[in-house]
Full PDB file with SEQRES, HELIX, SHEET, SSBOND, CRYST1, ORIGX, SCALE, CONECT and MASTER records, all heavy atoms in Angstrom:
SEQRES   1 A   32  PRO LYS THR ALA ALA ALA ARG ILE ILE SER CYS ASP VAL          
SEQRES   2 A   32  PHE ASP THR LEU LEU TYR ARG ASP HIS ARG SER GLU ARG          
SEQRES   3 A   32  GLN ARG PHE ASN ASP ILE                                      
HELIX    1 AA1 GLU A   25  ASP A   31  1                                   7    
CRYST1    1.000    1.000    1.000  90.00  90.00  90.00 P 1           1          
ORIGX1      1.000000  0.000000  0.000000        0.00000                         
ORIGX2      0.000000  1.000000  0.000000        0.00000                         
ORIGX3      0.000000  0.000000  1.000000        0.00000                         
SCALE1      1.000000  0.000000  0.000000        0.00000                         
SCALE2      0.000000  1.000000  0.000000        0.00000                         
SCALE3      0.000000  0.000000  1.000000        0.00000                         
ATOM      1  N   PRO A   1      10.616  34.407 -11.944  1.00  0.00           N  
ATOM      2  CA  PRO A   1      10.888  35.801 -11.577  1.00  0.00           C  
ATOM      3  C   PRO A   1      10.242  36.739 -12.589  1.00  0.00           C  
ATOM      4  O   PRO A   1      10.039  36.376 -13.743  1.00  0.00           O  
ATOM      5  CB  PRO A   1      12.416  35.889 -11.638  1.00  0.00           C  
ATOM      6  CG  PRO A   1      12.808  34.830 -12.605  1.00  0.00           C  
ATOM      7  CD  PRO A   1      11.823  33.710 -12.420  1.00  0.00           C  
ATOM      8  N   LYS A   2       9.904  37.949 -12.147  1.00  0.00           N  
ATOM      9  CA  LYS A   2       9.303  38.907 -13.081  1.00  0.00           C  
ATOM     10  C   LYS A   2      10.247  39.200 -14.243  1.00  0.00           C  
ATOM     11  O   LYS A   2       9.830  39.322 -15.393  1.00  0.00           O  
ATOM     12  CB  LYS A   2       8.940  40.201 -12.345  1.00  0.00           C  
ATOM     13  CG  LYS A   2       7.743  40.058 -11.422  1.00  0.00           C  
ATOM     14  CD  LYS A   2       7.395  41.394 -10.786  1.00  0.00           C  
ATOM     15  CE  LYS A   2       6.165  41.266  -9.905  1.00  0.00           C  
ATOM     16  NZ  LYS A   2       5.813  42.550  -9.247  1.00  0.00           N  
ATOM     17  N   THR A   3      11.521  39.336 -13.923  1.00  0.00           N  
ATOM     18  CA  THR A   3      12.528  39.530 -14.968  1.00  0.00           C  
ATOM     19  C   THR A   3      13.658  38.535 -14.750  1.00  0.00           C  
ATOM     20  O   THR A   3      14.011  38.222 -13.604  1.00  0.00           O  
ATOM     21  CB  THR A   3      13.101  40.956 -14.947  1.00  0.00           C  
ATOM     22  OG1 THR A   3      13.679  41.213 -13.677  1.00  0.00           O  
ATOM     23  CG2 THR A   3      12.004  41.972 -15.246  1.00  0.00           C  
ATOM     24  N   ALA A   4      14.244  38.085 -15.831  1.00  0.00           N  
ATOM     25  CA  ALA A   4      15.282  37.066 -15.730  1.00  0.00           C  
ATOM     26  C   ALA A   4      16.613  37.626 -15.269  1.00  0.00           C  
ATOM     27  O   ALA A   4      17.449  36.894 -14.752  1.00  0.00           O  
ATOM     28  CB  ALA A   4      15.460  36.384 -17.088  1.00  0.00           C  
ATOM     29  N   ALA A   5      16.826  38.925 -15.459  1.00  0.00           N  
ATOM     30  CA  ALA A   5      18.109  39.549 -15.116  1.00  0.00           C  
ATOM     31  C   ALA A   5      19.251  38.793 -15.768  1.00  0.00           C  
ATOM     32  O   ALA A   5      20.278  38.522 -15.146  1.00  0.00           O  
ATOM     33  CB  ALA A   5      18.291  39.606 -13.601  1.00  0.00           C  
ATOM     34  N   ALA A   6      19.060  38.441 -17.034  1.00  0.00           N  
ATOM     35  CA  ALA A   6      20.063  37.678 -17.775  1.00  0.00           C  
ATOM     36  C   ALA A   6      20.012  38.093 -19.240  1.00  0.00           C  
ATOM     37  O   ALA A   6      18.967  38.504 -19.749  1.00  0.00           O  
ATOM     38  CB  ALA A   6      19.795  36.188 -17.645  1.00  0.00           C  
ATOM     39  N   ARG A   7      21.139  37.969 -19.923  1.00  0.00           N  
ATOM     40  CA  ARG A   7      21.158  38.253 -21.356  1.00  0.00           C  
ATOM     41  C   ARG A   7      20.575  37.093 -22.145  1.00  0.00           C  
ATOM     42  O   ARG A   7      19.962  37.295 -23.190  1.00  0.00           O  
ATOM     43  CB  ARG A   7      22.595  38.525 -21.810  1.00  0.00           C  
ATOM     44  CG  ARG A   7      23.203  39.802 -21.263  1.00  0.00           C  
ATOM     45  CD  ARG A   7      24.659  39.941 -21.659  1.00  0.00           C  
ATOM     46  NE  ARG A   7      24.823  39.979 -23.112  1.00  0.00           N  
ATOM     47  CZ  ARG A   7      25.997  39.979 -23.730  1.00  0.00           C  
ATOM     48  NH1 ARG A   7      27.115  39.944 -23.009  1.00  0.00           N  
ATOM     49  NH2 ARG A   7      26.078  40.026 -25.042  1.00  0.00           N  
ATOM     50  N   ILE A   8      20.787  35.878 -21.640  1.00  0.00           N  
ATOM     51  CA  ILE A   8      20.321  34.676 -22.326  1.00  0.00           C  
ATOM     52  C   ILE A   8      19.589  33.784 -21.333  1.00  0.00           C  
ATOM     53  O   ILE A   8      20.042  33.602 -20.199  1.00  0.00           O  
ATOM     54  CB  ILE A   8      21.511  33.901 -22.941  1.00  0.00           C  
ATOM     55  CG1 ILE A   8      22.181  34.735 -24.034  1.00  0.00           C  
ATOM     56  CG2 ILE A   8      21.056  32.557 -23.498  1.00  0.00           C  
ATOM     57  CD1 ILE A   8      23.425  34.083 -24.610  1.00  0.00           C  
ATOM     58  N   ILE A   9      18.461  33.243 -21.758  1.00  0.00           N  
ATOM     59  CA  ILE A   9      17.756  32.230 -20.974  1.00  0.00           C  
ATOM     60  C   ILE A   9      17.869  30.920 -21.718  1.00  0.00           C  
ATOM     61  O   ILE A   9      17.481  30.800 -22.884  1.00  0.00           O  
ATOM     62  CB  ILE A   9      16.276  32.585 -20.767  1.00  0.00           C  
ATOM     63  CG1 ILE A   9      16.143  33.950 -20.083  1.00  0.00           C  
ATOM     64  CG2 ILE A   9      15.580  31.512 -19.931  1.00  0.00           C  
ATOM     65  CD1 ILE A   9      14.717  34.448 -19.981  1.00  0.00           C  
ATOM     66  N   SER A  10      18.442  29.945 -21.051  1.00  0.00           N  
ATOM     67  CA  SER A  10      18.652  28.617 -21.614  1.00  0.00           C  
ATOM     68  C   SER A  10      17.622  27.665 -21.016  1.00  0.00           C  
ATOM     69  O   SER A  10      17.464  27.608 -19.793  1.00  0.00           O  
ATOM     70  CB  SER A  10      20.075  28.146 -21.277  1.00  0.00           C  
ATOM     71  OG  SER A  10      20.211  26.765 -21.445  1.00  0.00           O  
ATOM     72  N   CYS A  11      16.923  26.921 -21.858  1.00  0.00           N  
ATOM     73  CA  CYS A  11      15.875  26.029 -21.372  1.00  0.00           C  
ATOM     74  C   CYS A  11      16.098  24.585 -21.815  1.00  0.00           C  
ATOM     75  O   CYS A  11      16.417  24.330 -22.981  1.00  0.00           O  
ATOM     76  CB  CYS A  11      14.501  26.476 -21.885  1.00  0.00           C  
ATOM     77  SG  CYS A  11      13.892  27.989 -21.140  1.00  0.00           S  
ATOM     78  N   ASP A  12      15.923  23.684 -20.889  1.00  0.00           N  
ATOM     79  CA  ASP A  12      15.820  22.277 -21.225  1.00  0.00           C  
ATOM     80  C   ASP A  12      14.573  22.100 -22.086  1.00  0.00           C  
ATOM     81  O   ASP A  12      13.679  22.962 -22.103  1.00  0.00           O  
ATOM     82  CB  ASP A  12      15.715  21.466 -19.934  1.00  0.00           C  
ATOM     83  CG  ASP A  12      15.503  19.989 -20.174  1.00  0.00           C  
ATOM     84  OD1 ASP A  12      16.167  19.430 -21.061  1.00  0.00           O  
ATOM     85  OD2 ASP A  12      14.664  19.397 -19.468  1.00  0.00           O  
ATOM     86  N   VAL A  13      14.481  20.996 -22.805  1.00  0.00           N  
ATOM     87  CA  VAL A  13      13.331  20.779 -23.684  1.00  0.00           C  
ATOM     88  C   VAL A  13      12.289  19.860 -23.045  1.00  0.00           C  
ATOM     89  O   VAL A  13      11.179  20.290 -22.726  1.00  0.00           O  
ATOM     90  CB  VAL A  13      13.774  20.220 -25.052  1.00  0.00           C  
ATOM     91  CG1 VAL A  13      12.556  19.910 -25.932  1.00  0.00           C  
ATOM     92  CG2 VAL A  13      14.690  21.220 -25.751  1.00  0.00           C  
ATOM     93  N   PHE A  14      12.648  18.596 -22.832  1.00  0.00           N  
ATOM     94  CA  PHE A  14      11.665  17.621 -22.366  1.00  0.00           C  
ATOM     95  C   PHE A  14      11.381  17.776 -20.876  1.00  0.00           C  
ATOM     96  O   PHE A  14      12.287  17.822 -20.054  1.00  0.00           O  
ATOM     97  CB  PHE A  14      12.139  16.203 -22.679  1.00  0.00           C  
ATOM     98  CG  PHE A  14      12.313  15.970 -24.154  1.00  0.00           C  
ATOM     99  CD1 PHE A  14      13.565  15.893 -24.717  1.00  0.00           C  
ATOM    100  CD2 PHE A  14      11.202  15.873 -24.992  1.00  0.00           C  
ATOM    101  CE1 PHE A  14      13.734  15.695 -26.079  1.00  0.00           C  
ATOM    102  CE2 PHE A  14      11.353  15.680 -26.359  1.00  0.00           C  
ATOM    103  CZ  PHE A  14      12.620  15.593 -26.906  1.00  0.00           C  
ATOM    104  N   ASP A  15      10.095  17.879 -20.546  1.00  0.00           N  
ATOM    105  CA  ASP A  15       9.597  18.135 -19.198  1.00  0.00           C  
ATOM    106  C   ASP A  15       9.941  19.537 -18.708  1.00  0.00           C  
ATOM    107  O   ASP A  15       9.896  19.815 -17.516  1.00  0.00           O  
ATOM    108  CB  ASP A  15      10.076  17.082 -18.198  1.00  0.00           C  
ATOM    109  CG  ASP A  15       9.244  15.812 -18.259  1.00  0.00           C  
ATOM    110  OD1 ASP A  15       8.077  15.891 -18.688  1.00  0.00           O  
ATOM    111  OD2 ASP A  15       9.764  14.743 -17.895  1.00  0.00           O  
ATOM    112  N   THR A  16      10.276  20.421 -19.650  1.00  0.00           N  
ATOM    113  CA  THR A  16      10.473  21.843 -19.326  1.00  0.00           C  
ATOM    114  C   THR A  16       9.723  22.691 -20.352  1.00  0.00           C  
ATOM    115  O   THR A  16       8.656  23.220 -20.051  1.00  0.00           O  
ATOM    116  CB  THR A  16      11.963  22.205 -19.291  1.00  0.00           C  
ATOM    117  OG1 THR A  16      12.619  21.405 -18.296  1.00  0.00           O  
ATOM    118  CG2 THR A  16      12.150  23.684 -18.937  1.00  0.00           C  
ATOM    119  N   LEU A  17      10.246  22.836 -21.556  1.00  0.00           N  
ATOM    120  CA  LEU A  17       9.505  23.526 -22.614  1.00  0.00           C  
ATOM    121  C   LEU A  17       8.343  22.679 -23.115  1.00  0.00           C  
ATOM    122  O   LEU A  17       7.248  23.188 -23.388  1.00  0.00           O  
ATOM    123  CB  LEU A  17      10.439  23.845 -23.782  1.00  0.00           C  
ATOM    124  CG  LEU A  17      11.452  24.968 -23.581  1.00  0.00           C  
ATOM    125  CD1 LEU A  17      12.401  25.037 -24.776  1.00  0.00           C  
ATOM    126  CD2 LEU A  17      10.758  26.308 -23.381  1.00  0.00           C  
ATOM    127  N   LEU A  18       8.597  21.393 -23.240  1.00  0.00           N  
ATOM    128  CA  LEU A  18       7.582  20.443 -23.686  1.00  0.00           C  
ATOM    129  C   LEU A  18       7.409  19.373 -22.611  1.00  0.00           C  
ATOM    130  O   LEU A  18       8.384  18.742 -22.210  1.00  0.00           O  
ATOM    131  CB  LEU A  18       7.995  19.784 -25.016  1.00  0.00           C  
ATOM    132  CG  LEU A  18       8.176  20.709 -26.211  1.00  0.00           C  
ATOM    133  CD1 LEU A  18       8.681  19.909 -27.420  1.00  0.00           C  
ATOM    134  CD2 LEU A  18       6.864  21.419 -26.565  1.00  0.00           C  
ATOM    135  N   TYR A  19       6.184  19.207 -22.159  1.00  0.00           N  
ATOM    136  CA  TYR A  19       5.900  18.219 -21.133  1.00  0.00           C  
ATOM    137  C   TYR A  19       5.640  16.844 -21.746  1.00  0.00           C  
ATOM    138  O   TYR A  19       4.895  16.714 -22.732  1.00  0.00           O  
ATOM    139  CB  TYR A  19       4.642  18.603 -20.359  1.00  0.00           C  
ATOM    140  CG  TYR A  19       4.813  19.691 -19.349  1.00  0.00           C  
ATOM    141  CD1 TYR A  19       3.839  20.673 -19.208  1.00  0.00           C  
ATOM    142  CD2 TYR A  19       5.918  19.729 -18.505  1.00  0.00           C  
ATOM    143  CE1 TYR A  19       3.964  21.666 -18.254  1.00  0.00           C  
ATOM    144  CE2 TYR A  19       6.045  20.722 -17.554  1.00  0.00           C  
ATOM    145  CZ  TYR A  19       5.069  21.680 -17.431  1.00  0.00           C  
ATOM    146  OH  TYR A  19       5.195  22.663 -16.494  1.00  0.00           O  
ATOM    147  N   ARG A  20       6.224  15.829 -21.152  1.00  0.00           N  
ATOM    148  CA  ARG A  20       5.801  14.471 -21.454  1.00  0.00           C  
ATOM    149  C   ARG A  20       4.621  14.141 -20.548  1.00  0.00           C  
ATOM    150  O   ARG A  20       4.495  14.707 -19.459  1.00  0.00           O  
ATOM    151  CB  ARG A  20       6.934  13.474 -21.201  1.00  0.00           C  
ATOM    152  CG  ARG A  20       8.136  13.647 -22.147  1.00  0.00           C  
ATOM    153  CD  ARG A  20       8.999  12.403 -22.096  1.00  0.00           C  
ATOM    154  NE  ARG A  20      10.223  12.529 -22.870  1.00  0.00           N  
ATOM    155  CZ  ARG A  20      10.296  12.376 -24.185  1.00  0.00           C  
ATOM    156  NH1 ARG A  20       9.194  12.116 -24.870  1.00  0.00           N  
ATOM    157  NH2 ARG A  20      11.448  12.482 -24.815  1.00  0.00           N  
ATOM    158  N   ASP A  21       3.777  13.213 -21.001  1.00  0.00           N  
ATOM    159  CA  ASP A  21       2.640  12.832 -20.166  1.00  0.00           C  
ATOM    160  C   ASP A  21       3.063  11.757 -19.174  1.00  0.00           C  
ATOM    161  O   ASP A  21       4.250  11.570 -18.904  1.00  0.00           O  
ATOM    162  CB  ASP A  21       1.444  12.402 -21.024  1.00  0.00           C  
ATOM    163  CG  ASP A  21       1.756  11.194 -21.902  1.00  0.00           C  
ATOM    164  OD1 ASP A  21       2.748  10.487 -21.643  1.00  0.00           O  
ATOM    165  OD2 ASP A  21       0.988  10.955 -22.858  1.00  0.00           O  
ATOM    166  N   HIS A  22       2.082  11.022 -18.635  1.00  0.00           N  
ATOM    167  CA  HIS A  22       2.355  10.047 -17.584  1.00  0.00           C  
ATOM    168  C   HIS A  22       3.036   8.782 -18.095  1.00  0.00           C  
ATOM    169  O   HIS A  22       3.500   7.962 -17.310  1.00  0.00           O  
ATOM    170  CB  HIS A  22       1.047   9.642 -16.908  1.00  0.00           C  
ATOM    171  CG  HIS A  22       0.136   8.869 -17.812  1.00  0.00           C  
ATOM    172  ND1 HIS A  22      -0.661   9.487 -18.759  1.00  0.00           N  
ATOM    173  CD2 HIS A  22      -0.073   7.536 -17.951  1.00  0.00           C  
ATOM    174  CE1 HIS A  22      -1.339   8.561 -19.424  1.00  0.00           C  
ATOM    175  NE2 HIS A  22      -0.995   7.381 -18.959  1.00  0.00           N  
ATOM    176  N   ARG A  23       3.109   8.602 -19.421  1.00  0.00           N  
ATOM    177  CA  ARG A  23       3.677   7.366 -19.952  1.00  0.00           C  
ATOM    178  C   ARG A  23       5.170   7.268 -19.646  1.00  0.00           C  
ATOM    179  O   ARG A  23       5.896   8.239 -19.736  1.00  0.00           O  
ATOM    180  CB  ARG A  23       3.454   7.275 -21.461  1.00  0.00           C  
ATOM    181  CG  ARG A  23       1.991   7.140 -21.876  1.00  0.00           C  
ATOM    182  CD  ARG A  23       1.879   7.156 -23.393  1.00  0.00           C  
ATOM    183  NE  ARG A  23       0.512   7.049 -23.854  1.00  0.00           N  
ATOM    184  CZ  ARG A  23      -0.308   8.082 -24.022  1.00  0.00           C  
ATOM    185  NH1 ARG A  23       0.117   9.297 -23.753  1.00  0.00           N  
ATOM    186  NH2 ARG A  23      -1.541   7.899 -24.449  1.00  0.00           N  
ATOM    187  N   SER A  24       5.609   6.060 -19.347  1.00  0.00           N  
ATOM    188  CA  SER A  24       7.022   5.800 -19.126  1.00  0.00           C  
ATOM    189  C   SER A  24       7.751   5.702 -20.457  1.00  0.00           C  
ATOM    190  O   SER A  24       7.136   5.616 -21.529  1.00  0.00           O  
ATOM    191  CB  SER A  24       7.199   4.482 -18.365  1.00  0.00           C  
ATOM    192  OG  SER A  24       6.738   3.396 -19.167  1.00  0.00           O  
ATOM    193  N   GLU A  25       9.086   5.699 -20.384  1.00  0.00           N  
ATOM    194  CA  GLU A  25       9.870   5.536 -21.606  1.00  0.00           C  
ATOM    195  C   GLU A  25       9.563   4.205 -22.273  1.00  0.00           C  
ATOM    196  O   GLU A  25       9.422   4.133 -23.500  1.00  0.00           O  
ATOM    197  CB  GLU A  25      11.357   5.626 -21.280  1.00  0.00           C  
ATOM    198  CG  GLU A  25      12.255   5.494 -22.507  1.00  0.00           C  
ATOM    199  CD  GLU A  25      13.728   5.558 -22.166  1.00  0.00           C  
ATOM    200  OE1 GLU A  25      14.207   4.644 -21.457  1.00  0.00           O  
ATOM    201  OE2 GLU A  25      14.393   6.522 -22.589  1.00  0.00           O  
ATOM    202  N   ARG A  26       9.444   3.142 -21.488  1.00  0.00           N  
ATOM    203  CA  ARG A  26       9.140   1.826 -22.067  1.00  0.00           C  
ATOM    204  C   ARG A  26       7.791   1.814 -22.768  1.00  0.00           C  
ATOM    205  O   ARG A  26       7.645   1.214 -23.831  1.00  0.00           O  
ATOM    206  CB  ARG A  26       9.188   0.747 -20.982  1.00  0.00           C  
ATOM    207  CG  ARG A  26      10.609   0.330 -20.614  1.00  0.00           C  
ATOM    208  CD  ARG A  26      10.617  -0.759 -19.561  1.00  0.00           C  
ATOM    209  NE  ARG A  26      11.957  -1.249 -19.318  1.00  0.00           N  
ATOM    210  CZ  ARG A  26      12.494  -2.305 -19.905  1.00  0.00           C  
ATOM    211  NH1 ARG A  26      11.772  -2.991 -20.775  1.00  0.00           N  
ATOM    212  NH2 ARG A  26      13.726  -2.690 -19.631  1.00  0.00           N  
ATOM    213  N   GLN A  27       6.796   2.470 -22.164  1.00  0.00           N  
ATOM    214  CA  GLN A  27       5.487   2.509 -22.820  1.00  0.00           C  
ATOM    215  C   GLN A  27       5.556   3.326 -24.105  1.00  0.00           C  
ATOM    216  O   GLN A  27       4.914   2.988 -25.103  1.00  0.00           O  
ATOM    217  CB  GLN A  27       4.436   3.109 -21.889  1.00  0.00           C  
ATOM    218  CG  GLN A  27       3.019   3.110 -22.476  1.00  0.00           C  
ATOM    219  CD  GLN A  27       2.547   1.721 -22.861  1.00  0.00           C  
ATOM    220  OE1 GLN A  27       2.632   0.793 -22.058  1.00  0.00           O  
ATOM    221  NE2 GLN A  27       2.042   1.561 -24.083  1.00  0.00           N  
ATOM    222  N   ARG A  28       6.349   4.400 -24.084  1.00  0.00           N  
ATOM    223  CA  ARG A  28       6.509   5.188 -25.306  1.00  0.00           C  
ATOM    224  C   ARG A  28       7.173   4.357 -26.399  1.00  0.00           C  
ATOM    225  O   ARG A  28       6.754   4.387 -27.560  1.00  0.00           O  
ATOM    226  CB  ARG A  28       7.338   6.444 -25.008  1.00  0.00           C  
ATOM    227  CG  ARG A  28       7.411   7.411 -26.178  1.00  0.00           C  
ATOM    228  CD  ARG A  28       7.988   8.746 -25.786  1.00  0.00           C  
ATOM    229  NE  ARG A  28       9.399   8.688 -25.470  1.00  0.00           N  
ATOM    230  CZ  ARG A  28       9.895   8.762 -24.237  1.00  0.00           C  
ATOM    231  NH1 ARG A  28       9.081   8.884 -23.202  1.00  0.00           N  
ATOM    232  NH2 ARG A  28      11.197   8.710 -24.033  1.00  0.00           N  
ATOM    233  N   PHE A  29       8.190   3.589 -26.032  1.00  0.00           N  
ATOM    234  CA  PHE A  29       8.840   2.712 -27.011  1.00  0.00           C  
ATOM    235  C   PHE A  29       7.862   1.673 -27.545  1.00  0.00           C  
ATOM    236  O   PHE A  29       7.903   1.302 -28.722  1.00  0.00           O  
ATOM    237  CB  PHE A  29      10.039   2.008 -26.379  1.00  0.00           C  
ATOM    238  CG  PHE A  29      11.206   2.904 -26.095  1.00  0.00           C  
ATOM    239  CD1 PHE A  29      12.307   2.430 -25.388  1.00  0.00           C  
ATOM    240  CD2 PHE A  29      11.229   4.220 -26.542  1.00  0.00           C  
ATOM    241  CE1 PHE A  29      13.391   3.245 -25.133  1.00  0.00           C  
ATOM    242  CE2 PHE A  29      12.315   5.054 -26.282  1.00  0.00           C  
ATOM    243  CZ  PHE A  29      13.390   4.562 -25.570  1.00  0.00           C  
ATOM    244  N   ASN A  30       6.978   1.180 -26.672  1.00  0.00           N  
ATOM    245  CA  ASN A  30       5.971   0.214 -27.115  1.00  0.00           C  
ATOM    246  C   ASN A  30       5.021   0.850 -28.114  1.00  0.00           C  
ATOM    247  O   ASN A  30       4.688   0.250 -29.152  1.00  0.00           O  
ATOM    248  CB  ASN A  30       5.191  -0.316 -25.906  1.00  0.00           C  
ATOM    249  CG  ASN A  30       4.110  -1.300 -26.299  1.00  0.00           C  
ATOM    250  OD1 ASN A  30       4.376  -2.447 -26.639  1.00  0.00           O  
ATOM    251  ND2 ASN A  30       2.863  -0.850 -26.260  1.00  0.00           N  
ATOM    252  N   ASP A  31       4.575   2.065 -27.820  1.00  0.00           N  
ATOM    253  CA  ASP A  31       3.666   2.768 -28.730  1.00  0.00           C  
ATOM    254  C   ASP A  31       4.336   3.030 -30.078  1.00  0.00           C  
ATOM    255  O   ASP A  31       3.704   2.904 -31.137  1.00  0.00           O  
ATOM    256  CB  ASP A  31       3.223   4.098 -28.111  1.00  0.00           C  
ATOM    257  CG  ASP A  31       2.380   3.913 -26.855  1.00  0.00           C  
ATOM    258  OD1 ASP A  31       1.861   2.798 -26.644  1.00  0.00           O  
ATOM    259  OD2 ASP A  31       2.263   4.880 -26.082  1.00  0.00           O  
ATOM    260  N   ILE A  32       5.609   3.374 -30.040  1.00  0.00           N  
ATOM    261  CA  ILE A  32       6.363   3.602 -31.280  1.00  0.00           C  
ATOM    262  C   ILE A  32       6.449   2.316 -32.082  1.00  0.00           C  
ATOM    263  O   ILE A  32       6.275   2.307 -33.310  1.00  0.00           O  
ATOM    264  CB  ILE A  32       7.766   4.147 -30.959  1.00  0.00           C  
ATOM    265  CG1 ILE A  32       7.669   5.557 -30.357  1.00  0.00           C  
ATOM    266  CG2 ILE A  32       8.644   4.165 -32.213  1.00  0.00           C  
ATOM    267  CD1 ILE A  32       8.950   6.027 -29.708  1.00  0.00           C  
TER     268      ILE A  32                                                      
MASTER        0    0    0    1    0    0    0    6  267    1    0    3          
END                                                                             
């Protein structure tokens, strides 16, 4: 929306503010 019409905007982090790529959780654990 052009304006949020809200006092506070709450955002999720993963796959919202910060995108994960195509890797699955298991592949990420493997890379770690």
